[in-house]
C-alpha atoms as a PDB file:
ATOM      1  CA  MET A   1      -6.582 116.090  27.211  1.00  0.00           C
ATOM      2  CA  SER A   2      -6.886 112.340  26.633  1.00  0.00           C
ATOM      3  CA  ALA A   3      -4.213 109.900  27.655  1.00  0.00           C
ATOM      4  CA  ARG A   4      -2.024 108.518  24.889  1.00  0.00           C
ATOM      5  CA  PRO A   5      -3.117 104.967  24.005  1.00  0.00           C
ATOM      6  CA  LYS A   6      -0.782 102.204  25.085  1.00  0.00           C
ATOM      7  CA  LEU A   7       1.439 100.592  22.475  1.00  0.00           C
ATOM      8  CA  LYS A   8       0.354  97.044  21.673  1.00  0.00           C
ATOM      9  CA  ILE A   9       3.399  94.787  21.505  1.00  0.00           C
ATOM     10  CA  LEU A  10       3.643  91.082  20.753  1.00  0.00           C
ATOM     11  CA  PHE A  11       6.736  89.060  21.600  1.00  0.00           C
ATOM     12  CA  LEU A  12       6.900  86.035  19.310  1.00  0.00           C
ATOM     13  CA  CYS A  13       9.120  82.986  19.835  1.00  0.00           C
ATOM     14  CA  SER A  14       9.223  79.428  18.606  1.00  0.00           C
ATOM     15  CA  GLY A  15       7.585  77.779  21.633  1.00  0.00           C
ATOM     16  CA  ASN A  16       6.353  80.596  23.917  1.00  0.00           C
ATOM     17  CA  SER A  17       7.928  78.832  26.881  1.00  0.00           C
ATOM     18  CA  VAL A  18      10.928  80.957  27.964  1.00  0.00           C
ATOM     19  CA  ARG A  19      12.135  84.080  26.105  1.00  0.00           C
ATOM     20  CA  SER A  20       8.824  85.547  24.977  1.00  0.00           C
ATOM     21  CA  GLN A  21       7.319  84.725  28.373  1.00  0.00           C
ATOM     22  CA  MET A  22      10.153  86.542  30.169  1.00  0.00           C
ATOM     23  CA  ALA A  23       9.756  89.518  27.839  1.00  0.00           C
ATOM     24  CA  GLU A  24       6.016  89.624  28.490  1.00  0.00           C
ATOM     25  CA  GLY A  25       6.560  89.488  32.247  1.00  0.00           C
ATOM     26  CA  PHE A  26       9.213  92.212  32.284  1.00  0.00           C
ATOM     27  CA  THR A  27       7.189  94.457  29.981  1.00  0.00           C
ATOM     28  CA  ARG A  28       4.086  94.149  32.131  1.00  0.00           C
ATOM     29  CA  ASP A  29       6.163  94.800  35.272  1.00  0.00           C
ATOM     30  CA  LEU A  30       8.400  97.611  33.997  1.00  0.00           C
ATOM     31  CA  LYS A  31       6.383  99.237  31.221  1.00  0.00           C
ATOM     32  CA  GLY A  32       2.767  98.384  31.972  1.00  0.00           C
ATOM     33  CA  ASP A  33       1.809 102.065  32.028  1.00  0.00           C
ATOM     34  CA  LEU A  34       3.023 102.501  28.409  1.00  0.00           C
ATOM     35  CA  ILE A  35       2.618  99.112  26.772  1.00  0.00           C
ATOM     36  CA  GLU A  36      -0.110  96.494  26.443  1.00  0.00           C
ATOM     37  CA  VAL A  37       1.959  93.324  26.038  1.00  0.00           C
ATOM     38  CA  TYR A  38       1.325  89.836  24.705  1.00  0.00           C
ATOM     39  CA  SER A  39       3.457  86.830  23.885  1.00  0.00           C
ATOM     40  CA  ALA A  40       2.921  83.828  21.661  1.00  0.00           C
ATOM     41  CA  GLY A  41       4.782  81.074  19.890  1.00  0.00           C
ATOM     42  CA  ILE A  42       4.795  79.410  16.530  1.00  0.00           C
ATOM     43  CA  GLU A  43       3.700  76.473  18.689  1.00  0.00           C
ATOM     44  CA  ALA A  44       2.780  76.335  22.388  1.00  0.00           C
ATOM     45  CA  ARG A  45       5.252  74.214  24.360  1.00  0.00           C
ATOM     46  CA  GLY A  46       4.194  75.133  27.887  1.00  0.00           C
ATOM     47  CA  LEU A  47       5.745  77.513  30.393  1.00  0.00           C
ATOM     48  CA  HIS A  48       9.266  76.354  31.314  1.00  0.00           C
ATOM     49  CA  PRO A  49       9.648  75.929  35.107  1.00  0.00           C
ATOM     50  CA  LEU A  50      13.167  77.408  35.110  1.00  0.00           C
ATOM     51  CA  ALA A  51      11.850  80.544  33.387  1.00  0.00           C
ATOM     52  CA  VAL A  52       9.330  80.913  36.212  1.00  0.00           C
ATOM     53  CA  GLN A  53      12.081  80.316  38.792  1.00  0.00           C
ATOM     54  CA  VAL A  54      14.604  82.851  37.482  1.00  0.00           C
ATOM     55  CA  MET A  55      11.934  85.510  36.962  1.00  0.00           C
ATOM     56  CA  HIS A  56      10.745  84.962  40.544  1.00  0.00           C
ATOM     57  CA  GLU A  57      14.330  85.599  41.683  1.00  0.00           C
ATOM     58  CA  VAL A  58      14.023  89.195  40.412  1.00  0.00           C
ATOM     59  CA  GLY A  59      10.499  89.716  41.731  1.00  0.00           C
ATOM     60  CA  VAL A  60       8.492  89.092  38.561  1.00  0.00           C
ATOM     61  CA  ASP A  61       5.817  86.397  38.752  1.00  0.00           C
ATOM     62  CA  ILE A  62       5.069  84.805  35.377  1.00  0.00           C
ATOM     63  CA  SER A  63       3.574  81.614  36.836  1.00  0.00           C
ATOM     64  CA  GLY A  64       0.076  82.646  35.761  1.00  0.00           C
ATOM     65  CA  GLN A  65       1.029  83.269  32.130  1.00  0.00           C
ATOM     66  CA  LYS A  66      -0.016  80.680  29.570  1.00  0.00           C
ATOM     67  CA  SER A  67       1.874  79.324  26.584  1.00  0.00           C
ATOM     68  CA  LYS A  68      -0.134  80.045  23.440  1.00  0.00           C
ATOM     69  CA  THR A  69       0.072  80.318  19.679  1.00  0.00           C
ATOM     70  CA  ALA A  70      -0.437  83.500  17.687  1.00  0.00           C
ATOM     71  CA  ASP A  71      -3.883  82.419  16.509  1.00  0.00           C
ATOM     72  CA  GLN A  72      -5.053  82.402  20.153  1.00  0.00           C
ATOM     73  CA  LEU A  73      -4.395  86.138  20.546  1.00  0.00           C
ATOM     74  CA  PRO A  74      -7.010  88.910  20.554  1.00  0.00           C
ATOM     75  CA  ASP A  75      -8.065  90.027  17.096  1.00  0.00           C
ATOM     76  CA  PHE A  76      -6.490  93.478  16.766  1.00  0.00           C
ATOM     77  CA  ASP A  77      -3.462  95.053  15.133  1.00  0.00           C
ATOM     78  CA  PHE A  78      -0.238  95.191  17.091  1.00  0.00           C
ATOM     79  CA  ASP A  79       1.987  98.254  16.890  1.00  0.00           C
ATOM     80  CA  TYR A  80       5.112  96.110  17.135  1.00  0.00           C
ATOM     81  CA  LEU A  81       5.927  92.467  16.586  1.00  0.00           C
ATOM     82  CA  ILE A  82       9.180  91.587  18.321  1.00  0.00           C
ATOM     83  CA  THR A  83      10.647  88.225  17.376  1.00  0.00           C
ATOM     84  CA  VAL A  84      13.008  86.924  20.035  1.00  0.00           C
ATOM     85  CA  CYS A  85      14.428  84.007  18.061  1.00  0.00           C
ATOM     86  CA  ASP A  86      15.413  83.303  14.476  1.00  0.00           C
ATOM     87  CA  ASP A  87      12.800  80.529  14.095  1.00  0.00           C
ATOM     88  CA  ALA A  88      10.003  82.952  14.928  1.00  0.00           C
ATOM     89  CA  ARG A  89      11.314  85.556  12.501  1.00  0.00           C
ATOM     90  CA  GLU A  90      11.486  82.996   9.691  1.00  0.00           C
ATOM     91  CA  SER A  91       8.118  81.376  10.492  1.00  0.00           C
ATOM     92  CA  CYS A  92       6.118  84.470  11.430  1.00  0.00           C
ATOM     93  CA  PRO A  93       2.441  83.988  10.555  1.00  0.00           C
ATOM     94  CA  LEU A  94       1.454  86.196   7.642  1.00  0.00           C
ATOM     95  CA  PHE A  95      -1.386  87.878   9.526  1.00  0.00           C
ATOM     96  CA  LEU A  96       1.146  89.332  11.992  1.00  0.00           C
ATOM     97  CA  ARG A  97       3.374  90.886   9.352  1.00  0.00           C
ATOM     98  CA  ALA A  98       1.258  94.049   9.283  1.00  0.00           C
ATOM     99  CA  ALA A  99       2.883  95.173  12.524  1.00  0.00           C
ATOM    100  CA  GLN A 100       6.206  96.982  12.617  1.00  0.00           C
ATOM    101  CA  SER A 101       8.668  94.095  12.962  1.00  0.00           C
ATOM    102  CA  VAL A 102      11.697  94.153  15.227  1.00  0.00           C
ATOM    103  CA  HIS A 103      14.102  91.254  15.614  1.00  0.00           C
ATOM    104  CA  ALA A 104      15.830  90.917  18.984  1.00  0.00           C
ATOM    105  CA  ALA A 105      17.324  87.427  19.101  1.00  0.00           C
ATOM    106  CA  PHE A 106      18.210  85.889  22.443  1.00  0.00           C
ATOM    107  CA  ALA A 107      19.863  82.508  23.008  1.00  0.00           C
ATOM    108  CA  ASP A 108      17.475  79.701  23.960  1.00  0.00           C
ATOM    109  CA  PRO A 109      18.262  78.695  27.550  1.00  0.00           C
ATOM    110  CA  ALA A 110      15.965  75.682  27.206  1.00  0.00           C
ATOM    111  CA  GLN A 111      18.682  74.192  24.962  1.00  0.00           C
ATOM    112  CA  ALA A 112      21.385  74.653  27.623  1.00  0.00           C
ATOM    113  CA  VAL A 113      23.352  71.634  28.756  1.00  0.00           C
ATOM    114  CA  GLY A 114      25.504  71.157  31.828  1.00  0.00           C
ATOM    115  CA  THR A 115      25.019  70.950  35.542  1.00  0.00           C
ATOM    116  CA  GLU A 116      21.925  72.383  37.163  1.00  0.00           C
ATOM    117  CA  ASP A 117      23.944  75.432  38.244  1.00  0.00           C
ATOM    118  CA  GLU A 118      25.350  75.943  34.738  1.00  0.00           C
ATOM    119  CA  ILE A 119      21.898  75.726  33.166  1.00  0.00           C
ATOM    120  CA  LEU A 120      20.461  78.153  35.733  1.00  0.00           C
ATOM    121  CA  ALA A 121      23.312  80.565  34.987  1.00  0.00           C
ATOM    122  CA  ILE A 122      22.344  80.539  31.300  1.00  0.00           C
ATOM    123  CA  PHE A 123      18.669  81.148  32.140  1.00  0.00           C
ATOM    124  CA  ARG A 124      19.729  84.097  34.339  1.00  0.00           C
ATOM    125  CA  GLU A 125      21.979  85.549  31.640  1.00  0.00           C
ATOM    126  CA  VAL A 126      19.181  85.445  29.054  1.00  0.00           C
ATOM    127  CA  ARG A 127      16.733  86.863  31.621  1.00  0.00           C
ATOM    128  CA  ASP A 128      19.052  89.797  32.294  1.00  0.00           C
ATOM    129  CA  ARG A 129      19.535  90.509  28.584  1.00  0.00           C
ATOM    130  CA  ILE A 130      15.794  90.488  28.023  1.00  0.00           C
ATOM    131  CA  ARG A 131      15.272  92.809  31.006  1.00  0.00           C
ATOM    132  CA  ALA A 132      17.855  95.249  29.569  1.00  0.00           C
ATOM    133  CA  PHE A 133      16.037  95.214  26.204  1.00  0.00           C
ATOM    134  CA  VAL A 134      12.654  95.826  27.827  1.00  0.00           C
ATOM    135  CA  GLN A 135      14.001  98.617  30.055  1.00  0.00           C
ATOM    136  CA  GLN A 136      14.956 100.567  26.917  1.00  0.00           C
ATOM    137  CA  MET A 137      11.519 100.264  25.305  1.00  0.00           C
ATOM    138  CA  PRO A 138       9.984 102.066  23.526  1.00  0.00           C
ATOM    139  CA  GLY A 139      13.093 104.151  22.811  1.00  0.00           C
ATOM    140  CA  ASN A 140      14.923 101.198  21.239  1.00  0.00           C
ATOM    141  CA  LEU A 141      12.059 100.513  18.810  1.00  0.00           C
ATOM    142  CA  PRO A 142      11.894 102.149  15.364  1.00  0.00           C
ATOM    143  CA  ALA A 143       9.451 104.997  14.891  1.00  0.00           C
ATOM    144  CA  ARG A 144       6.025 103.828  13.809  1.00  0.00           C
ATOM    145  CA  ALA A 145       5.189 104.416  10.167  1.00  0.00           C
END
């Protein structure tokens, strides 16, 4: 009996610097036996240092991940395209629309203002929401057509 192939999932965000990177890291860490995960952005803005910091706090190292655009991804069909911000959903490259699309919007902590502690609190809140979403996968995703 052959093993079931892993689902191929792409998390897409506007800049591939925080939310999609966190989702990629959590998916690899928590669901790596079930899911082959990628992340990309409409543009590549670089990995946000606070994203790396708050993920490290929960034992997930994303420091080696790279910010990239969708056209830098491997050339194969994804089972699911998960947009994690409204900009990505509205600007999704046409070649990715073949995948089953899921929209799971999370606030952008990179836009947070306040003291260092207040900004870190927002990064942690978004991190925890993304982790909760990933923990439920693939059960929270629609059935594949």
